[in-house]
Amino acid sequence: MPEVASLVRSDPGILGGIAVFAGTRVPVRILFEFLSAGDSLDKFLDAYPSVTRDQAVAVLELAEEFLESGARSTR
């Protein structure tokens, strides 16, 4: 799985430092907003074609890994 730094960037010169997909100006939170609203990954990708499917899936996998590791560490 790719490292976070290769998927997500946070630069004060880009959208005030909001985390964006690397190589784009698309905030990562937009992906989660689409999904939480019940929209599909394909709808997100259609709306933001500068984000690749591989990037979006990798960010979701990293989020899952992060959440699972946190759940294990609190037990």
Protein backbone atom coordinates (compact mmCIF):
# COMPACT_ATOMS: atom_id res chain seq x y z
CA MET A 1 0.00 0.00 0.00
CA PRO A 2 1.33 3.47 -0.84
CA GLU A 3 2.51 5.78 1.90
CA VAL A 4 0.26 8.64 3.01
CA ALA A 5 2.78 11.20 1.72
CA SER A 6 2.46 9.82 -1.82
CA LEU A 7 -1.34 10.08 -1.70
CA VAL A 8 -2.13 13.17 0.35
CA ARG A 9 -0.47 16.57 0.52
CA SER A 10 -0.91 19.40 2.96
CA ASP A 11 0.72 22.64 1.88
CA PRO A 12 -0.13 26.08 3.28
CA GLY A 13 0.07 27.41 -0.28
CA ILE A 14 -2.66 25.03 -1.50
CA LEU A 15 -6.11 25.68 -0.05
CA GLY A 16 -4.60 26.95 3.18
CA GLY A 17 -3.04 23.61 4.06
CA ILE A 18 -6.16 21.45 3.78
CA ALA A 19 -5.26 17.84 2.98
CA VAL A 20 -5.65 17.28 -0.77
CA PHE A 21 -5.06 14.35 -3.08
CA ALA A 22 -1.44 14.55 -4.24
CA GLY A 23 -1.10 16.34 -7.57
CA THR A 24 -4.55 17.94 -7.30
CA ARG A 25 -6.40 20.67 -5.46
CA VAL A 26 -9.18 18.26 -4.43
CA PRO A 27 -9.62 18.06 -0.66
CA VAL A 28 -9.63 14.48 0.64
CA ARG A 29 -12.65 15.30 2.82
CA ILE A 30 -14.74 15.69 -0.35
CA LEU A 31 -14.40 11.96 -1.01
CA PHE A 32 -15.74 11.17 2.46
CA GLU A 33 -18.54 13.73 2.04
CA PHE A 34 -19.64 12.06 -1.21
CA LEU A 35 -19.61 8.62 0.36
CA SER A 36 -21.37 9.70 3.55
CA ALA A 37 -24.10 11.30 1.41
CA GLY A 38 -24.67 7.92 -0.22
CA ASP A 39 -22.95 8.74 -3.49
CA SER A 40 -20.78 6.17 -5.20
CA LEU A 41 -17.04 6.28 -5.72
CA ASP A 42 -17.74 6.53 -9.45
CA LYS A 43 -19.83 9.66 -8.92
CA PHE A 44 -16.97 11.24 -6.95
CA LEU A 45 -14.47 10.30 -9.67
CA ASP A 46 -16.76 11.73 -12.36
CA ALA A 47 -17.00 14.99 -10.43
CA TYR A 48 -13.24 15.17 -9.76
CA PRO A 49 -11.45 13.59 -12.74
CA SER A 50 -8.04 14.77 -11.53
CA VAL A 51 -8.26 12.14 -8.78
CA THR A 52 -7.52 8.62 -9.98
CA ARG A 53 -9.44 5.56 -8.85
CA ASP A 54 -6.18 4.16 -7.45
CA GLN A 55 -5.68 7.30 -5.33
CA ALA A 56 -9.21 7.24 -3.96
CA VAL A 57 -9.16 3.53 -3.17
CA ALA A 58 -5.74 3.80 -1.52
CA VAL A 59 -6.94 6.68 0.69
CA LEU A 60 -9.99 4.64 1.72
CA GLU A 61 -7.77 1.66 2.50
CA LEU A 62 -5.46 3.85 4.58
CA ALA A 63 -8.43 5.23 6.50
CA GLU A 64 -9.67 1.69 7.14
CA GLU A 65 -6.22 0.59 8.29
CA PHE A 66 -5.95 3.60 10.59
CA LEU A 67 -9.35 2.97 12.13
CA GLU A 68 -8.69 -0.74 12.59
CA SER A 69 -5.31 -0.15 14.21
CA GLY A 70 -6.87 2.36 16.60
CA ALA A 71 -9.59 -0.08 17.54
CA ARG A 72 -7.04 -2.80 18.28
CA SER A 73 -4.85 -0.50 20.39
CA THR A 74 -7.73 0.50 22.69
CA ARG A 75 -8.65 -3.06 23.65
